[in-house]
PDB file of all heavy atoms in Angstrom:
ATOM      1  N   ALA A   1     140.540 151.477 134.885  1.00  0.00           N
ATOM      2  CA  ALA A   1     141.821 151.981 135.405  1.00  0.00           C
ATOM      3  C   ALA A   1     141.647 152.811 136.643  1.00  0.00           C
ATOM      4  O   ALA A   1     142.435 152.664 137.589  1.00  0.00           O
ATOM      5  CB  ALA A   1     142.539 152.788 134.303  1.00  0.00           C
ATOM      6  N   ARG A   2     140.643 153.683 136.647  1.00  0.00           N
ATOM      7  CA  ARG A   2     140.428 154.579 137.791  1.00  0.00           C
ATOM      8  C   ARG A   2     140.056 153.755 139.048  1.00  0.00           C
ATOM      9  O   ARG A   2     140.407 154.057 140.151  1.00  0.00           O
ATOM     10  CB  ARG A   2     139.325 155.567 137.444  1.00  0.00           C
ATOM     11  CG  ARG A   2     139.778 156.814 136.703  1.00  0.00           C
ATOM     12  CD  ARG A   2     138.683 157.829 136.596  1.00  0.00           C
ATOM     13  NE  ARG A   2     137.590 157.427 135.755  1.00  0.00           N
ATOM     14  CZ  ARG A   2     137.497 157.745 134.449  1.00  0.00           C
ATOM     15  NH1 ARG A   2     138.424 158.505 133.886  1.00  0.00           N
ATOM     16  NH2 ARG A   2     136.473 157.349 133.698  1.00  0.00           N
ATOM     17  N   SER A   3     139.304 152.655 138.834  1.00  0.00           N
ATOM     18  CA  SER A   3     138.760 151.923 139.969  1.00  0.00           C
ATOM     19  C   SER A   3     139.738 150.942 140.607  1.00  0.00           C
ATOM     20  O   SER A   3     139.482 150.442 141.724  1.00  0.00           O
ATOM     21  CB  SER A   3     137.490 151.141 139.518  1.00  0.00           C
ATOM     22  OG  SER A   3     137.845 150.126 138.602  1.00  0.00           O
ATOM     23  N   ARG A   4     140.882 150.646 139.906  1.00  0.00           N
ATOM     24  CA  ARG A   4     141.717 149.579 140.429  1.00  0.00           C
ATOM     25  C   ARG A   4     143.042 150.077 140.995  1.00  0.00           C
ATOM     26  O   ARG A   4     143.912 149.271 141.307  1.00  0.00           O
ATOM     27  CB  ARG A   4     142.023 148.595 139.265  1.00  0.00           C
ATOM     28  CG  ARG A   4     140.729 147.932 138.704  1.00  0.00           C
ATOM     29  CD  ARG A   4     141.137 146.804 137.840  1.00  0.00           C
ATOM     30  NE  ARG A   4     141.806 145.699 138.537  1.00  0.00           N
ATOM     31  CZ  ARG A   4     142.372 144.645 137.910  1.00  0.00           C
ATOM     32  NH1 ARG A   4     142.359 144.538 136.608  1.00  0.00           N
ATOM     33  NH2 ARG A   4     142.907 143.683 138.647  1.00  0.00           N
ATOM     34  N   VAL A   5     143.213 151.347 141.198  1.00  0.00           N
ATOM     35  CA  VAL A   5     144.498 151.857 141.737  1.00  0.00           C
ATOM     36  C   VAL A   5     144.849 151.259 143.114  1.00  0.00           C
ATOM     37  O   VAL A   5     145.947 150.753 143.261  1.00  0.00           O
ATOM     38  CB  VAL A   5     144.473 153.397 141.753  1.00  0.00           C
ATOM     39  CG1 VAL A   5     145.829 153.934 142.353  1.00  0.00           C
ATOM     40  CG2 VAL A   5     144.316 154.007 140.388  1.00  0.00           C
ATOM     41  N   VAL A   6     143.990 151.435 144.027  1.00  0.00           N
ATOM     42  CA  VAL A   6     144.275 150.980 145.374  1.00  0.00           C
ATOM     43  C   VAL A   6     144.523 149.472 145.427  1.00  0.00           C
ATOM     44  O   VAL A   6     145.461 149.003 146.037  1.00  0.00           O
ATOM     45  CB  VAL A   6     143.092 151.327 146.331  1.00  0.00           C
ATOM     46  CG1 VAL A   6     143.322 150.745 147.759  1.00  0.00           C
ATOM     47  CG2 VAL A   6     142.930 152.846 146.426  1.00  0.00           C
ATOM     48  N   GLU A   7     143.628 148.727 144.735  1.00  0.00           N
ATOM     49  CA  GLU A   7     143.791 147.249 144.708  1.00  0.00           C
ATOM     50  C   GLU A   7     145.131 146.841 144.129  1.00  0.00           C
ATOM     51  O   GLU A   7     145.874 146.006 144.708  1.00  0.00           O
ATOM     52  CB  GLU A   7     142.677 146.682 143.820  1.00  0.00           C
ATOM     53  CG  GLU A   7     142.874 145.210 143.474  1.00  0.00           C
ATOM     54  CD  GLU A   7     142.223 144.871 142.160  1.00  0.00           C
ATOM     55  OE1 GLU A   7     141.393 145.639 141.648  1.00  0.00           O
ATOM     56  OE2 GLU A   7     142.657 143.841 141.548  1.00  0.00           O
ATOM     57  N   LEU A   8     145.508 147.400 142.972  1.00  0.00           N
ATOM     58  CA  LEU A   8     146.762 146.982 142.310  1.00  0.00           C
ATOM     59  C   LEU A   8     147.979 147.455 142.993  1.00  0.00           C
ATOM     60  O   LEU A   8     149.005 146.769 143.043  1.00  0.00           O
ATOM     61  CB  LEU A   8     146.733 147.446 140.811  1.00  0.00           C
ATOM     62  CG  LEU A   8     145.657 146.784 139.972  1.00  0.00           C
ATOM     63  CD1 LEU A   8     145.635 147.404 138.584  1.00  0.00           C
ATOM     64  CD2 LEU A   8     145.962 145.278 139.832  1.00  0.00           C
ATOM     65  N   LYS A   9     147.960 148.673 143.546  1.00  0.00           N
ATOM     66  CA  LYS A   9     149.144 149.206 144.247  1.00  0.00           C
ATOM     67  C   LYS A   9     149.529 148.291 145.422  1.00  0.00           C
ATOM     68  O   LYS A   9     150.734 148.123 145.748  1.00  0.00           O
ATOM     69  CB  LYS A   9     148.892 150.607 144.777  1.00  0.00           C
ATOM     70  CG  LYS A   9     149.072 151.712 143.737  1.00  0.00           C
ATOM     71  CD  LYS A   9     148.989 153.107 144.357  1.00  0.00           C
ATOM     72  CE  LYS A   9     150.208 153.467 145.162  1.00  0.00           C
ATOM     73  NZ  LYS A   9     150.200 154.826 145.662  1.00  0.00           N
ATOM     74  N   ALA A  10     148.557 147.710 146.100  1.00  0.00           N
ATOM     75  CA  ALA A  10     148.825 146.792 147.208  1.00  0.00           C
ATOM     76  C   ALA A  10     149.548 145.548 146.778  1.00  0.00           C
ATOM     77  O   ALA A  10     150.216 144.884 147.559  1.00  0.00           O
ATOM     78  CB  ALA A  10     147.470 146.390 147.868  1.00  0.00           C
ATOM     79  N   LYS A  11     149.531 145.277 145.460  1.00  0.00           N
ATOM     80  CA  LYS A  11     150.219 144.083 144.909  1.00  0.00           C
ATOM     81  C   LYS A  11     151.472 144.504 144.133  1.00  0.00           C
ATOM     82  O   LYS A  11     152.013 143.710 143.347  1.00  0.00           O
ATOM     83  CB  LYS A  11     149.264 143.363 143.956  1.00  0.00           C
ATOM     84  CG  LYS A  11     147.946 142.881 144.655  1.00  0.00           C
ATOM     85  CD  LYS A  11     146.996 142.271 143.601  1.00  0.00           C
ATOM     86  CE  LYS A  11     145.683 141.905 144.238  1.00  0.00           C
ATOM     87  NZ  LYS A  11     144.740 141.338 143.231  1.00  0.00           N
ATOM     88  N   HIS A  12     151.916 145.754 144.292  1.00  0.00           N
ATOM     89  CA  HIS A  12     153.064 146.289 143.566  1.00  0.00           C
ATOM     90  C   HIS A  12     152.824 146.317 142.069  1.00  0.00           C
ATOM     91  O   HIS A  12     153.698 146.100 141.265  1.00  0.00           O
ATOM     92  CB  HIS A  12     154.336 145.587 143.908  1.00  0.00           C
ATOM     93  CG  HIS A  12     154.726 145.622 145.348  1.00  0.00           C
ATOM     94  ND1 HIS A  12     155.149 146.751 145.962  1.00  0.00           N
ATOM     95  CD2 HIS A  12     154.623 144.645 146.374  1.00  0.00           C
ATOM     96  CE1 HIS A  12     155.391 146.503 147.260  1.00  0.00           C
ATOM     97  NE2 HIS A  12     155.049 145.225 147.519  1.00  0.00           N
ATOM     98  N   LYS A  13     151.573 146.532 141.715  1.00  0.00           N
ATOM     99  CA  LYS A  13     151.145 146.684 140.342  1.00  0.00           C
ATOM    100  C   LYS A  13     150.519 148.026 140.127  1.00  0.00           C
ATOM    101  O   LYS A  13     150.179 148.677 141.103  1.00  0.00           O
ATOM    102  CB  LYS A  13     150.177 145.579 139.893  1.00  0.00           C
ATOM    103  CG  LYS A  13     150.758 144.148 140.050  1.00  0.00           C
ATOM    104  CD  LYS A  13     149.779 143.099 139.674  1.00  0.00           C
ATOM    105  CE  LYS A  13     150.361 141.718 139.845  1.00  0.00           C
ATOM    106  NZ  LYS A  13     149.374 140.651 139.466  1.00  0.00           N
ATOM    107  N   TYR A  14     150.340 148.456 138.888  1.00  0.00           N
ATOM    108  CA  TYR A  14     149.742 149.757 138.642  1.00  0.00           C
ATOM    109  C   TYR A  14     148.876 149.796 137.384  1.00  0.00           C
ATOM    110  O   TYR A  14     149.321 149.279 136.342  1.00  0.00           O
ATOM    111  CB  TYR A  14     150.825 150.888 138.577  1.00  0.00           C
ATOM    112  CG  TYR A  14     150.315 152.224 139.088  1.00  0.00           C
ATOM    113  CD1 TYR A  14     150.426 152.489 140.472  1.00  0.00           C
ATOM    114  CD2 TYR A  14     149.706 153.126 138.241  1.00  0.00           C
ATOM    115  CE1 TYR A  14     149.941 153.731 140.979  1.00  0.00           C
ATOM    116  CE2 TYR A  14     149.249 154.342 138.751  1.00  0.00           C
ATOM    117  CZ  TYR A  14     149.367 154.626 140.134  1.00  0.00           C
ATOM    118  OH  TYR A  14     148.908 155.843 140.604  1.00  0.00           O
ATOM    119  N   PRO A  15     147.687 150.373 137.444  1.00  0.00           N
ATOM    120  CA  PRO A  15     146.793 150.355 136.266  1.00  0.00           C
ATOM    121  C   PRO A  15     147.237 151.384 135.180  1.00  0.00           C
ATOM    122  O   PRO A  15     147.612 152.515 135.523  1.00  0.00           O
ATOM    123  CB  PRO A  15     145.440 150.741 136.875  1.00  0.00           C
ATOM    124  CG  PRO A  15     145.763 151.567 138.031  1.00  0.00           C
ATOM    125  CD  PRO A  15     147.050 150.997 138.614  1.00  0.00           C
ATOM    126  N   VAL A  16     147.171 150.931 133.962  1.00  0.00           N
ATOM    127  CA  VAL A  16     147.459 151.790 132.813  1.00  0.00           C
ATOM    128  C   VAL A  16     146.332 151.647 131.782  1.00  0.00           C
ATOM    129  O   VAL A  16     145.742 150.551 131.719  1.00  0.00           O
ATOM    130  CB  VAL A  16     148.828 151.498 132.144  1.00  0.00           C
ATOM    131  CG1 VAL A  16     149.973 151.782 133.123  1.00  0.00           C
ATOM    132  CG2 VAL A  16     148.882 150.088 131.641  1.00  0.00           C
ATOM    133  N   TYR A  17     146.027 152.707 131.061  1.00  0.00           N
ATOM    134  CA  TYR A  17     145.090 152.607 129.966  1.00  0.00           C
ATOM    135  C   TYR A  17     145.730 153.180 128.716  1.00  0.00           C
ATOM    136  O   TYR A  17     146.092 154.362 128.667  1.00  0.00           O
ATOM    137  CB  TYR A  17     143.804 153.430 130.330  1.00  0.00           C
ATOM    138  CG  TYR A  17     142.829 153.521 129.166  1.00  0.00           C
ATOM    139  CD1 TYR A  17     142.176 152.392 128.737  1.00  0.00           C
ATOM    140  CD2 TYR A  17     142.586 154.711 128.548  1.00  0.00           C
ATOM    141  CE1 TYR A  17     141.308 152.452 127.680  1.00  0.00           C
ATOM    142  CE2 TYR A  17     141.705 154.783 127.471  1.00  0.00           C
ATOM    143  CZ  TYR A  17     141.052 153.640 127.033  1.00  0.00           C
ATOM    144  OH  TYR A  17     140.167 153.709 125.978  1.00  0.00           O
ATOM    145  N   PHE A  18     145.881 152.314 127.710  1.00  0.00           N
ATOM    146  CA  PHE A  18     146.541 152.758 126.454  1.00  0.00           C
ATOM    147  C   PHE A  18     145.445 152.774 125.371  1.00  0.00           C
ATOM    148  O   PHE A  18     144.501 151.941 125.391  1.00  0.00           O
ATOM    149  CB  PHE A  18     147.611 151.760 126.077  1.00  0.00           C
ATOM    150  CG  PHE A  18     148.760 151.743 127.095  1.00  0.00           C
ATOM    151  CD1 PHE A  18     149.409 150.538 127.356  1.00  0.00           C
ATOM    152  CD2 PHE A  18     149.168 152.865 127.755  1.00  0.00           C
ATOM    153  CE1 PHE A  18     150.465 150.494 128.256  1.00  0.00           C
ATOM    154  CE2 PHE A  18     150.182 152.820 128.662  1.00  0.00           C
ATOM    155  CZ  PHE A  18     150.834 151.653 128.935  1.00  0.00           C
ATOM    156  N   PHE A  19     145.582 153.704 124.417  1.00  0.00           N
ATOM    157  CA  PHE A  19     144.589 153.901 123.436  1.00  0.00           C
ATOM    158  C   PHE A  19     145.198 154.365 122.122  1.00  0.00           C
ATOM    159  O   PHE A  19     146.359 154.878 122.070  1.00  0.00           O
ATOM    160  CB  PHE A  19     143.545 154.922 123.878  1.00  0.00           C
ATOM    161  CG  PHE A  19     144.174 156.233 124.267  1.00  0.00           C
ATOM    162  CD1 PHE A  19     144.384 157.238 123.355  1.00  0.00           C
ATOM    163  CD2 PHE A  19     144.550 156.489 125.588  1.00  0.00           C
ATOM    164  CE1 PHE A  19     144.948 158.475 123.703  1.00  0.00           C
ATOM    165  CE2 PHE A  19     145.135 157.660 125.976  1.00  0.00           C
ATOM    166  CZ  PHE A  19     145.362 158.652 125.017  1.00  0.00           C
ATOM    167  N   LYS A  20     144.461 154.267 121.036  1.00  0.00           N
ATOM    168  CA  LYS A  20     144.899 154.796 119.712  1.00  0.00           C
ATOM    169  C   LYS A  20     144.554 156.286 119.663  1.00  0.00           C
ATOM    170  O   LYS A  20     143.471 156.667 120.052  1.00  0.00           O
ATOM    171  CB  LYS A  20     144.274 154.055 118.615  1.00  0.00           C
ATOM    172  CG  LYS A  20     144.758 152.582 118.459  1.00  0.00           C
ATOM    173  CD  LYS A  20     144.334 151.952 117.127  1.00  0.00           C
ATOM    174  CE  LYS A  20     144.850 150.541 117.026  1.00  0.00           C
ATOM    175  NZ  LYS A  20     146.338 150.511 117.081  1.00  0.00           N
ATOM    176  N   SER A  21     145.499 157.067 119.185  1.00  0.00           N
ATOM    177  CA  SER A  21     145.321 158.526 119.105  1.00  0.00           C
ATOM    178  C   SER A  21     144.259 158.830 118.011  1.00  0.00           C
ATOM    179  O   SER A  21     144.360 158.382 116.905  1.00  0.00           O
ATOM    180  CB  SER A  21     146.614 159.244 118.833  1.00  0.00           C
ATOM    181  OG  SER A  21     146.407 160.617 118.677  1.00  0.00           O
ATOM    182  N   ASP A  22     143.321 159.705 118.377  1.00  0.00           N
ATOM    183  CA  ASP A  22     142.289 160.157 117.422  1.00  0.00           C
ATOM    184  C   ASP A  22     141.906 161.626 117.630  1.00  0.00           C
ATOM    185  O   ASP A  22     140.852 162.087 117.260  1.00  0.00           O
ATOM    186  CB  ASP A  22     141.049 159.319 117.469  1.00  0.00           C
ATOM    187  CG  ASP A  22     140.378 159.358 118.867  1.00  0.00           C
ATOM    188  OD1 ASP A  22     140.907 160.000 119.763  1.00  0.00           O
ATOM    189  OD2 ASP A  22     139.318 158.753 119.005  1.00  0.00           O
ATOM    190  N   THR A  23     142.837 162.389 118.248  1.00  0.00           N
ATOM    191  CA  THR A  23     142.520 163.795 118.574  1.00  0.00           C
ATOM    192  C   THR A  23     143.062 164.758 117.541  1.00  0.00           C
ATOM    193  O   THR A  23     144.032 164.465 116.824  1.00  0.00           O
ATOM    194  CB  THR A  23     143.085 164.150 119.943  1.00  0.00           C
ATOM    195  OG1 THR A  23     144.437 163.814 120.048  1.00  0.00           O
ATOM    196  CG2 THR A  23     142.290 163.420 121.047  1.00  0.00           C
ATOM    197  N   THR A  24     142.478 165.972 117.519  1.00  0.00           N
ATOM    198  CA  THR A  24     142.873 166.977 116.509  1.00  0.00           C
ATOM    199  C   THR A  24     144.323 167.349 116.688  1.00  0.00           C
ATOM    200  O   THR A  24     144.816 167.548 117.793  1.00  0.00           O
ATOM    201  CB  THR A  24     141.988 168.189 116.701  1.00  0.00           C
ATOM    202  OG1 THR A  24     140.631 167.906 116.369  1.00  0.00           O
ATOM    203  CG2 THR A  24     142.458 169.394 115.868  1.00  0.00           C
ATOM    204  N   GLY A  25     145.002 167.481 115.506  1.00  0.00           N
ATOM    205  CA  GLY A  25     146.353 168.070 115.505  1.00  0.00           C
ATOM    206  C   GLY A  25     147.496 167.135 115.832  1.00  0.00           C
ATOM    207  O   GLY A  25     148.659 167.587 115.883  1.00  0.00           O
ATOM    208  N   GLU A  26     147.221 165.861 116.031  1.00  0.00           N
ATOM    209  CA  GLU A  26     148.331 164.941 116.355  1.00  0.00           C
ATOM    210  C   GLU A  26     149.004 164.463 115.057  1.00  0.00           C
ATOM    211  O   GLU A  26     148.369 163.906 114.190  1.00  0.00           O
ATOM    212  CB  GLU A  26     147.801 163.709 117.127  1.00  0.00           C
ATOM    213  CG  GLU A  26     147.495 164.020 118.581  1.00  0.00           C
ATOM    214  CD  GLU A  26     148.669 164.475 119.422  1.00  0.00           C
ATOM    215  OE1 GLU A  26     149.799 164.041 119.062  1.00  0.00           O
ATOM    216  OE2 GLU A  26     148.487 165.221 120.341  1.00  0.00           O
ATOM    217  N   LYS A  27     150.303 164.672 114.996  1.00  0.00           N
ATOM    218  CA  LYS A  27     151.081 164.327 113.782  1.00  0.00           C
ATOM    219  C   LYS A  27     151.473 162.825 113.887  1.00  0.00           C
ATOM    220  O   LYS A  27     151.869 162.350 114.973  1.00  0.00           O
ATOM    221  CB  LYS A  27     152.313 165.177 113.662  1.00  0.00           C
ATOM    222  CG  LYS A  27     152.868 165.263 112.290  1.00  0.00           C
ATOM    223  CD  LYS A  27     153.891 166.441 112.211  1.00  0.00           C
ATOM    224  CE  LYS A  27     154.379 166.686 110.792  1.00  0.00           C
ATOM    225  NZ  LYS A  27     155.273 167.836 110.700  1.00  0.00           N
ATOM    226  N   ASP A  28     151.408 162.136 112.756  1.00  0.00           N
ATOM    227  CA  ASP A  28     151.668 160.688 112.772  1.00  0.00           C
ATOM    228  C   ASP A  28     153.183 160.381 112.910  1.00  0.00           C
ATOM    229  O   ASP A  28     153.526 159.276 113.254  1.00  0.00           O
ATOM    230  CB  ASP A  28     151.121 160.049 111.492  1.00  0.00           C
ATOM    231  CG  ASP A  28     149.639 160.219 111.403  1.00  0.00           C
ATOM    232  OD1 ASP A  28     148.977 160.152 112.407  1.00  0.00           O
ATOM    233  OD2 ASP A  28     149.131 160.271 110.216  1.00  0.00           O
ATOM    234  N   PHE A  29     154.056 161.356 112.552  1.00  0.00           N
ATOM    235  CA  PHE A  29     155.440 161.042 112.556  1.00  0.00           C
ATOM    236  C   PHE A  29     156.240 162.398 112.908  1.00  0.00           C
ATOM    237  O   PHE A  29     155.654 163.469 112.886  1.00  0.00           O
ATOM    238  CB  PHE A  29     155.923 160.579 111.157  1.00  0.00           C
ATOM    239  CG  PHE A  29     155.597 161.515 110.052  1.00  0.00           C
ATOM    240  CD1 PHE A  29     156.482 162.431 109.624  1.00  0.00           C
ATOM    241  CD2 PHE A  29     154.371 161.416 109.446  1.00  0.00           C
ATOM    242  CE1 PHE A  29     156.173 163.294 108.587  1.00  0.00           C
ATOM    243  CE2 PHE A  29     153.997 162.265 108.372  1.00  0.00           C
ATOM    244  CZ  PHE A  29     154.927 163.202 107.979  1.00  0.00           C
ATOM    245  N   GLU A  30     157.485 162.230 113.184  1.00  0.00           N
ATOM    246  CA  GLU A  30     158.361 163.288 113.644  1.00  0.00           C
ATOM    247  C   GLU A  30     159.225 163.814 112.517  1.00  0.00           C
ATOM    248  O   GLU A  30     159.818 162.973 111.762  1.00  0.00           O
ATOM    249  CB  GLU A  30     159.231 162.818 114.806  1.00  0.00           C
ATOM    250  CG  GLU A  30     159.823 163.955 115.613  1.00  0.00           C
ATOM    251  CD  GLU A  30     159.076 164.089 116.907  1.00  0.00           C
ATOM    252  OE1 GLU A  30     159.240 163.259 117.805  1.00  0.00           O
ATOM    253  OE2 GLU A  30     158.303 165.053 117.042  1.00  0.00           O
ATOM    254  N   GLU A  31     159.326 165.106 112.338  1.00  0.00           N
ATOM    255  CA  GLU A  31     160.229 165.642 111.337  1.00  0.00           C
ATOM    256  C   GLU A  31     160.661 167.062 111.766  1.00  0.00           C
ATOM    257  O   GLU A  31     159.890 167.755 112.410  1.00  0.00           O
ATOM    258  CB  GLU A  31     159.618 165.690 109.947  1.00  0.00           C
ATOM    259  CG  GLU A  31     158.350 166.529 109.839  1.00  0.00           C
ATOM    260  CD  GLU A  31     157.690 166.490 108.469  1.00  0.00           C
ATOM    261  OE1 GLU A  31     158.395 166.177 107.464  1.00  0.00           O
ATOM    262  OE2 GLU A  31     156.477 166.744 108.369  1.00  0.00           O
ATOM    263  N   PHE A  32     161.879 167.415 111.417  1.00  0.00           N
ATOM    264  CA  PHE A  32     162.439 168.691 111.827  1.00  0.00           C
ATOM    265  C   PHE A  32     162.673 169.646 110.664  1.00  0.00           C
ATOM    266  O   PHE A  32     162.964 170.815 110.888  1.00  0.00           O
ATOM    267  CB  PHE A  32     163.737 168.493 112.596  1.00  0.00           C
ATOM    268  CG  PHE A  32     163.601 167.811 113.933  1.00  0.00           C
ATOM    269  CD1 PHE A  32     163.752 166.448 114.032  1.00  0.00           C
ATOM    270  CD2 PHE A  32     163.213 168.540 115.057  1.00  0.00           C
ATOM    271  CE1 PHE A  32     163.600 165.786 115.250  1.00  0.00           C
ATOM    272  CE2 PHE A  32     163.033 167.898 116.257  1.00  0.00           C
ATOM    273  CZ  PHE A  32     163.224 166.549 116.344  1.00  0.00           C
ATOM    274  N   TYR A  33     162.591 169.157 109.492  1.00  0.00           N
ATOM    275  CA  TYR A  33     162.795 170.005 108.305  1.00  0.00           C
ATOM    276  C   TYR A  33     161.976 169.469 107.136  1.00  0.00           C
ATOM    277  O   TYR A  33     161.482 168.362 107.147  1.00  0.00           O
ATOM    278  CB  TYR A  33     164.293 170.040 107.949  1.00  0.00           C
ATOM    279  CG  TYR A  33     164.939 168.710 107.842  1.00  0.00           C
ATOM    280  CD1 TYR A  33     164.856 167.926 106.646  1.00  0.00           C
ATOM    281  CD2 TYR A  33     165.588 168.140 108.908  1.00  0.00           C
ATOM    282  CE1 TYR A  33     165.442 166.650 106.559  1.00  0.00           C
ATOM    283  CE2 TYR A  33     166.154 166.850 108.850  1.00  0.00           C
ATOM    284  CZ  TYR A  33     166.068 166.136 107.657  1.00  0.00           C
ATOM    285  OH  TYR A  33     166.643 164.866 107.570  1.00  0.00           O
ATOM    286  N   THR A  34     161.796 170.304 106.123  1.00  0.00           N
ATOM    287  CA  THR A  34     161.018 169.944 104.941  1.00  0.00           C
ATOM    288  C   THR A  34     161.997 169.670 103.765  1.00  0.00           C
ATOM    289  O   THR A  34     163.186 169.987 103.857  1.00  0.00           O
ATOM    290  CB  THR A  34     160.017 171.031 104.570  1.00  0.00           C
ATOM    291  OG1 THR A  34     160.777 172.240 104.231  1.00  0.00           O
ATOM    292  CG2 THR A  34     159.102 171.374 105.729  1.00  0.00           C
ATOM    293  N   ASP A  35     161.401 169.131 102.743  1.00  0.00           N
ATOM    294  CA  ASP A  35     162.257 168.773 101.599  1.00  0.00           C
ATOM    295  C   ASP A  35     162.925 169.939 100.892  1.00  0.00           C
ATOM    296  O   ASP A  35     163.921 169.774 100.225  1.00  0.00           O
ATOM    297  CB  ASP A  35     161.394 167.956 100.587  1.00  0.00           C
ATOM    298  CG  ASP A  35     160.921 166.592 101.076  1.00  0.00           C
ATOM    299  OD1 ASP A  35     161.597 166.089 102.016  1.00  0.00           O
ATOM    300  OD2 ASP A  35     159.934 166.101 100.583  1.00  0.00           O
ATOM    301  N   ASN A  36     162.294 171.107 100.996  1.00  0.00           N
ATOM    302  CA  ASN A  36     162.838 172.238 100.294  1.00  0.00           C
ATOM    303  C   ASN A  36     163.740 173.157 101.224  1.00  0.00           C
ATOM    304  O   ASN A  36     164.049 174.281 100.791  1.00  0.00           O
ATOM    305  CB  ASN A  36     161.681 173.131  99.708  1.00  0.00           C
ATOM    306  CG  ASN A  36     160.705 173.623 100.737  1.00  0.00           C
ATOM    307  OD1 ASN A  36     160.862 173.282 101.913  1.00  0.00           O
ATOM    308  ND2 ASN A  36     159.737 174.387 100.329  1.00  0.00           N
ATOM    309  N   GLU A  37     164.076 172.706 102.348  1.00  0.00           N
ATOM    310  CA  GLU A  37     164.968 173.469 103.232  1.00  0.00           C
ATOM    311  C   GLU A  37     166.409 173.002 103.034  1.00  0.00           C
ATOM    312  O   GLU A  37     166.698 171.841 102.878  1.00  0.00           O
ATOM    313  CB  GLU A  37     164.523 173.352 104.688  1.00  0.00           C
ATOM    314  CG  GLU A  37     163.246 174.106 104.960  1.00  0.00           C
ATOM    315  CD  GLU A  37     162.769 173.995 106.392  1.00  0.00           C
ATOM    316  OE1 GLU A  37     162.763 172.902 106.965  1.00  0.00           O
ATOM    317  OE2 GLU A  37     162.370 174.999 106.924  1.00  0.00           O
ATOM    318  N   THR A  38     167.337 173.946 103.125  1.00  0.00           N
ATOM    319  CA  THR A  38     168.763 173.671 102.908  1.00  0.00           C
ATOM    320  C   THR A  38     169.406 173.276 104.210  1.00  0.00           C
ATOM    321  O   THR A  38     169.269 173.996 105.218  1.00  0.00           O
ATOM    322  CB  THR A  38     169.526 174.899 102.340  1.00  0.00           C
ATOM    323  OG1 THR A  38     168.899 175.257 101.085  1.00  0.00           O
ATOM    324  CG2 THR A  38     170.975 174.612 102.104  1.00  0.00           C
ATOM    325  N   LEU A  39     170.092 172.128 104.236  1.00  0.00           N
ATOM    326  CA  LEU A  39     170.638 171.589 105.458  1.00  0.00           C
ATOM    327  C   LEU A  39     172.172 171.564 105.462  1.00  0.00           C
ATOM    328  O   LEU A  39     172.802 171.398 104.427  1.00  0.00           O
ATOM    329  CB  LEU A  39     170.145 170.106 105.632  1.00  0.00           C
ATOM    330  CG  LEU A  39     168.630 169.877 105.644  1.00  0.00           C
ATOM    331  CD1 LEU A  39     168.397 168.412 105.865  1.00  0.00           C
ATOM    332  CD2 LEU A  39     167.908 170.734 106.656  1.00  0.00           C
ATOM    333  N   VAL A  40     172.745 171.761 106.652  1.00  0.00           N
ATOM    334  CA  VAL A  40     174.145 171.515 106.866  1.00  0.00           C
ATOM    335  C   VAL A  40     174.216 170.507 108.019  1.00  0.00           C
ATOM    336  O   VAL A  40     173.825 170.717 109.117  1.00  0.00           O
ATOM    337  CB  VAL A  40     174.859 172.842 107.338  1.00  0.00           C
ATOM    338  CG1 VAL A  40     176.280 172.542 107.735  1.00  0.00           C
ATOM    339  CG2 VAL A  40     174.874 173.883 106.244  1.00  0.00           C
ATOM    340  N   MET A  41     174.807 169.364 107.626  1.00  0.00           N
ATOM    341  CA  MET A  41     174.792 168.198 108.548  1.00  0.00           C
ATOM    342  C   MET A  41     176.219 167.809 109.083  1.00  0.00           C
ATOM    343  O   MET A  41     176.336 166.846 109.841  1.00  0.00           O
ATOM    344  CB  MET A  41     174.176 167.009 107.889  1.00  0.00           C
ATOM    345  CG  MET A  41     172.722 167.236 107.397  1.00  0.00           C
ATOM    346  SD  MET A  41     171.560 167.572 108.777  1.00  0.00           S
ATOM    347  CE  MET A  41     171.328 165.901 109.371  1.00  0.00           C
ATOM    348  N   ASP A  42     177.219 168.568 108.659  1.00  0.00           N
ATOM    349  CA  ASP A  42     178.586 168.146 109.037  1.00  0.00           C
ATOM    350  C   ASP A  42     179.322 169.105 109.950  1.00  0.00           C
ATOM    351  O   ASP A  42     180.543 168.926 110.206  1.00  0.00           O
ATOM    352  CB  ASP A  42     179.404 167.899 107.777  1.00  0.00           C
ATOM    353  CG  ASP A  42     179.463 169.120 106.810  1.00  0.00           C
ATOM    354  OD1 ASP A  42     178.870 170.153 107.201  1.00  0.00           O
ATOM    355  OD2 ASP A  42     180.106 169.062 105.785  1.00  0.00           O
ATOM    356  N   LYS A  43     178.638 170.129 110.415  1.00  0.00           N
ATOM    357  CA  LYS A  43     179.348 171.096 111.284  1.00  0.00           C
ATOM    358  C   LYS A  43     179.414 170.602 112.716  1.00  0.00           C
ATOM    359  O   LYS A  43     180.374 170.927 113.430  1.00  0.00           O
ATOM    360  CB  LYS A  43     178.608 172.461 111.249  1.00  0.00           C
ATOM    361  CG  LYS A  43     179.346 173.580 112.014  1.00  0.00           C
ATOM    362  CD  LYS A  43     178.689 174.956 111.786  1.00  0.00           C
ATOM    363  CE  LYS A  43     179.505 176.047 112.515  1.00  0.00           C
ATOM    364  NZ  LYS A  43     178.872 177.367 112.280  1.00  0.00           N
ATOM    365  N   PHE A  44     178.436 169.878 113.168  1.00  0.00           N
ATOM    366  CA  PHE A  44     178.377 169.383 114.535  1.00  0.00           C
ATOM    367  C   PHE A  44     178.204 167.879 114.530  1.00  0.00           C
ATOM    368  O   PHE A  44     177.688 167.289 113.548  1.00  0.00           O
ATOM    369  CB  PHE A  44     177.262 170.005 115.354  1.00  0.00           C
ATOM    370  CG  PHE A  44     177.431 171.507 115.521  1.00  0.00           C
ATOM    371  CD1 PHE A  44     176.763 172.395 114.686  1.00  0.00           C
ATOM    372  CD2 PHE A  44     178.194 171.992 116.557  1.00  0.00           C
ATOM    373  CE1 PHE A  44     176.899 173.743 114.844  1.00  0.00           C
ATOM    374  CE2 PHE A  44     178.377 173.362 116.719  1.00  0.00           C
ATOM    375  CZ  PHE A  44     177.717 174.258 115.880  1.00  0.00           C
ATOM    376  N   GLU A  45     178.535 167.221 115.636  1.00  0.00           N
ATOM    377  CA  GLU A  45     178.393 165.793 115.766  1.00  0.00           C
ATOM    378  C   GLU A  45     176.958 165.385 115.778  1.00  0.00           C
ATOM    379  O   GLU A  45     176.521 164.437 115.153  1.00  0.00           O
ATOM    380  CB  GLU A  45     179.091 165.263 117.015  1.00  0.00           C
ATOM    381  CG  GLU A  45     180.631 165.377 117.025  1.00  0.00           C
ATOM    382  CD  GLU A  45     181.263 164.222 116.228  1.00  0.00           C
ATOM    383  OE1 GLU A  45     180.598 163.192 116.044  1.00  0.00           O
ATOM    384  OE2 GLU A  45     182.418 164.421 115.801  1.00  0.00           O
TER     385      GLU A  45
END
């Protein structure tokens, strides 16, 4: 990816490098509350 930037940009292309996450502290999913927290879901849209 580092070596092909100039070459690919000239062709209106761009290098990307995608990978599987394996670093410390990355959560697998998104959540905003826990099962034991009390929620109000009807006050706002």
